[in-house]
C-alpha atoms as a PDB file:
ATOM      1  CA  MET A   1      -0.009   0.061  -0.025  1.00  0.00           C
ATOM      2  CA  ASN A   2       1.357   3.483  -0.975  1.00  0.00           C
ATOM      3  CA  ASN A   3       1.428   5.637   2.201  1.00  0.00           C
ATOM      4  CA  ALA A   4       1.392   8.893   0.594  1.00  0.00           C
ATOM      5  CA  PRO A   5      -2.129  10.626   0.357  1.00  0.00           C
ATOM      6  CA  SER A   6      -3.492  11.083  -3.245  1.00  0.00           C
ATOM      7  CA  ALA A   7      -6.721  11.510  -5.068  1.00  0.00           C
ATOM      8  CA  LYS A   8      -6.306   7.988  -6.108  1.00  0.00           C
ATOM      9  CA  SER A   9      -6.954   6.670  -2.517  1.00  0.00           C
ATOM     10  CA  LEU A  10     -10.506   8.269  -2.637  1.00  0.00           C
ATOM     11  CA  GLU A  11     -13.178   5.915  -3.900  1.00  0.00           C
ATOM     12  CA  THR A  12     -16.206   7.498  -5.419  1.00  0.00           C
ATOM     13  CA  VAL A  13     -19.753   6.348  -6.131  1.00  0.00           C
ATOM     14  CA  GLU A  14     -22.472   7.722  -8.320  1.00  0.00           C
ATOM     15  CA  ASN A  15     -24.561  10.385  -6.893  1.00  0.00           C
ATOM     16  CA  GLN A  16     -28.187   9.173  -7.159  1.00  0.00           C
ATOM     17  CA  TYR A  17     -29.514  12.875  -6.740  1.00  0.00           C
ATOM     18  CA  MET A  18     -27.636  14.647  -9.511  1.00  0.00           C
ATOM     19  CA  ASP A  19     -31.087  16.403 -10.397  1.00  0.00           C
ATOM     20  CA  ARG A  20     -30.800  18.605  -7.277  1.00  0.00           C
ATOM     21  CA  GLU A  21     -28.243  20.457  -5.195  1.00  0.00           C
ATOM     22  CA  TYR A  22     -27.688  19.300  -1.755  1.00  0.00           C
ATOM     23  CA  GLU A  23     -24.800  19.795   0.852  1.00  0.00           C
ATOM     24  CA  VAL A  24     -22.656  17.100   2.531  1.00  0.00           C
ATOM     25  CA  LYS A  25     -20.694  18.156   5.680  1.00  0.00           C
ATOM     26  CA  ILE A  26     -18.007  15.818   6.897  1.00  0.00           C
ATOM     27  CA  SER A  27     -16.247  16.216  10.149  1.00  0.00           C
ATOM     28  CA  ILE A  28     -13.037  14.508  10.965  1.00  0.00           C
ATOM     29  CA  PRO A  29     -12.284  15.430  14.802  1.00  0.00           C
ATOM     30  CA  GLU A  30      -9.200  13.325  15.163  1.00  0.00           C
ATOM     31  CA  PHE A  31      -6.829  14.514  12.206  1.00  0.00           C
ATOM     32  CA  THR A  32      -3.169  14.403  13.043  1.00  0.00           C
ATOM     33  CA  CYS A  33       0.034  15.191  10.889  1.00  0.00           C
ATOM     34  CA  VAL A  34       3.488  16.289  12.107  1.00  0.00           C
ATOM     35  CA  CYS A  35       5.116  19.828  11.894  1.00  0.00           C
ATOM     36  CA  PRO A  36       7.663  19.674   9.134  1.00  0.00           C
ATOM     37  CA  ARG A  37      10.126  21.977  11.149  1.00  0.00           C
ATOM     38  CA  THR A  38       9.958  20.519  14.762  1.00  0.00           C
ATOM     39  CA  GLY A  39       8.597  16.800  14.025  1.00  0.00           C
ATOM     40  CA  GLN A  40       6.044  17.610  16.908  1.00  0.00           C
ATOM     41  CA  PRO A  41       2.468  16.124  16.454  1.00  0.00           C
ATOM     42  CA  ASP A  42      -0.178  18.642  15.018  1.00  0.00           C
ATOM     43  CA  TYR A  43      -3.927  17.943  15.775  1.00  0.00           C
ATOM     44  CA  ALA A  44      -6.816  19.215  14.053  1.00  0.00           C
ATOM     45  CA  VAL A  45     -10.515  18.911  13.272  1.00  0.00           C
ATOM     46  CA  ILE A  46     -10.946  18.900   9.431  1.00  0.00           C
ATOM     47  CA  GLU A  47     -14.317  19.904   8.016  1.00  0.00           C
ATOM     48  CA  ILE A  48     -15.276  19.103   4.272  1.00  0.00           C
ATOM     49  CA  THR A  49     -18.490  20.753   2.959  1.00  0.00           C
ATOM     50  CA  TYR A  50     -19.217  20.020  -0.630  1.00  0.00           C
ATOM     51  CA  THR A  51     -22.044  19.975  -3.180  1.00  0.00           C
ATOM     52  CA  PRO A  52     -21.808  16.769  -5.017  1.00  0.00           C
ATOM     53  CA  HIS A  53     -22.147  16.784  -8.763  1.00  0.00           C
ATOM     54  CA  LYS A  54     -21.839  13.210 -10.562  1.00  0.00           C
ATOM     55  CA  HIS A  55     -20.205  11.519  -7.629  1.00  0.00           C
ATOM     56  CA  ILE A  56     -19.871  11.223  -3.861  1.00  0.00           C
ATOM     57  CA  VAL A  57     -16.886  10.265  -1.866  1.00  0.00           C
ATOM     58  CA  GLU A  58     -17.121   6.962  -0.176  1.00  0.00           C
ATOM     59  CA  LEU A  59     -16.417   7.565   3.610  1.00  0.00           C
ATOM     60  CA  LYS A  60     -14.177   4.435   4.400  1.00  0.00           C
ATOM     61  CA  SER A  61     -11.701   5.412   1.631  1.00  0.00           C
ATOM     62  CA  LEU A  62     -11.842   8.992   3.133  1.00  0.00           C
ATOM     63  CA  LYS A  63     -10.898   7.644   6.584  1.00  0.00           C
ATOM     64  CA  LEU A  64      -8.028   5.539   5.097  1.00  0.00           C
ATOM     65  CA  TYR A  65      -6.892   8.594   2.936  1.00  0.00           C
ATOM     66  CA  ILE A  66      -6.808  11.063   6.093  1.00  0.00           C
ATOM     67  CA  GLN A  67      -4.788   8.444   8.137  1.00  0.00           C
ATOM     68  CA  GLN A  68      -2.109   8.728   5.584  1.00  0.00           C
ATOM     69  CA  TYR A  69      -1.281  12.108   6.956  1.00  0.00           C
ATOM     70  CA  ARG A  70      -0.585  10.842  10.436  1.00  0.00           C
ATOM     71  CA  ASN A  71       3.205  10.800  10.344  1.00  0.00           C
ATOM     72  CA  MET A  72       3.672  13.088   7.280  1.00  0.00           C
ATOM     73  CA  GLY A  73       5.475  16.514   7.911  1.00  0.00           C
ATOM     74  CA  ILE A  74       3.326  19.268   6.284  1.00  0.00           C
ATOM     75  CA  PHE A  75       2.391  22.699   7.059  1.00  0.00           C
ATOM     76  CA  HIS A  76      -1.416  23.450   8.016  1.00  0.00           C
ATOM     77  CA  GLU A  77      -1.968  25.560   4.909  1.00  0.00           C
ATOM     78  CA  ALA A  78      -0.594  22.859   2.596  1.00  0.00           C
ATOM     79  CA  VAL A  79      -2.520  19.995   4.183  1.00  0.00           C
ATOM     80  CA  THR A  80      -5.916  21.774   4.040  1.00  0.00           C
ATOM     81  CA  ASN A  81      -5.172  22.852   0.223  1.00  0.00           C
ATOM     82  CA  ARG A  82      -4.084  19.371  -0.637  1.00  0.00           C
ATOM     83  CA  ILE A  83      -7.094  17.775   0.910  1.00  0.00           C
ATOM     84  CA  LEU A  84      -9.315  20.159  -1.211  1.00  0.00           C
ATOM     85  CA  ASP A  85      -7.237  19.401  -4.395  1.00  0.00           C
ATOM     86  CA  ASP A  86      -7.480  15.600  -3.910  1.00  0.00           C
ATOM     87  CA  PHE A  87     -11.188  15.653  -2.971  1.00  0.00           C
ATOM     88  CA  ARG A  88     -11.799  17.735  -5.879  1.00  0.00           C
ATOM     89  CA  GLU A  89      -9.855  15.737  -8.275  1.00  0.00           C
ATOM     90  CA  ALA A  90     -11.473  12.373  -7.011  1.00  0.00           C
ATOM     91  CA  SER A  91     -15.272  13.594  -6.982  1.00  0.00           C
ATOM     92  CA  ASN A  92     -15.399  16.824  -9.049  1.00  0.00           C
ATOM     93  CA  PRO A  93     -17.961  18.527  -6.882  1.00  0.00           C
ATOM     94  CA  ARG A  94     -20.023  21.579  -7.799  1.00  0.00           C
ATOM     95  CA  ARG A  95     -18.604  23.460  -4.622  1.00  0.00           C
ATOM     96  CA  ILE A  96     -16.176  22.387  -1.857  1.00  0.00           C
ATOM     97  CA  LEU A  97     -14.873  24.146   1.422  1.00  0.00           C
ATOM     98  CA  VAL A  98     -12.141  22.484   3.500  1.00  0.00           C
ATOM     99  CA  LEU A  99     -11.722  23.950   6.952  1.00  0.00           C
ATOM    100  CA  GLY A 100      -8.736  22.847   9.093  1.00  0.00           C
ATOM    101  CA  LYS A 101      -8.992  24.057  12.792  1.00  0.00           C
ATOM    102  CA  PHE A 102      -5.613  23.210  14.224  1.00  0.00           C
ATOM    103  CA  ASN A 103      -5.235  22.928  17.982  1.00  0.00           C
ATOM    104  CA  ALA A 104      -3.024  25.418  19.827  1.00  0.00           C
ATOM    105  CA  ARG A 105       0.654  24.756  20.010  1.00  0.00           C
ATOM    106  CA  GLY A 106       2.992  27.206  21.485  1.00  0.00           C
ATOM    107  CA  GLY A 107      -0.125  29.415  22.230  1.00  0.00           C
ATOM    108  CA  ILE A 108      -1.247  29.678  18.523  1.00  0.00           C
ATOM    109  CA  THR A 109      -4.024  28.172  16.884  1.00  0.00           C
ATOM    110  CA  THR A 110      -4.627  28.115  13.168  1.00  0.00           C
ATOM    111  CA  ASN A 111      -7.713  27.948  10.985  1.00  0.00           C
ATOM    112  CA  VAL A 112      -7.135  27.511   7.405  1.00  0.00           C
ATOM    113  CA  ARG A 113     -10.289  27.777   4.877  1.00  0.00           C
ATOM    114  CA  ALA A 114      -9.631  26.350   1.339  1.00  0.00           C
ATOM    115  CA  PHE A 115     -12.551  26.524  -1.121  1.00  0.00           C
ATOM    116  CA  TRP A 116     -13.540  26.261  -4.887  1.00  0.00           C
ATOM    117  CA  PRO A 117     -14.710  27.684  -6.807  1.00  0.00           C
ATOM    118  CA  GLU A 118     -13.165  30.840  -5.507  1.00  0.00           C
END
């Protein structure tokens, strides 16, 4: 198994309700990665809100995809945008917002919002 997160890790299924717009909100409260500078763990809540088009993302594959970040050194901004890019490539939604709410470390919290279309 390749441990690098990629859009290919995300499985999709056909959206049975393409004739209407609706919103899906996914919350991942136990996200973890590693600070690329210090090697210290970073913890966050990742929220993905999207309006499906032809496909929806299968949640077990999303869980496995997210777990691939566990030991990866990556900045908060990069991981939030990478999740958006991979999710978008896999499912081509009408709209998507990824919010990374990173826990405090050193007295600083970070919230990163990445969205498409801009």
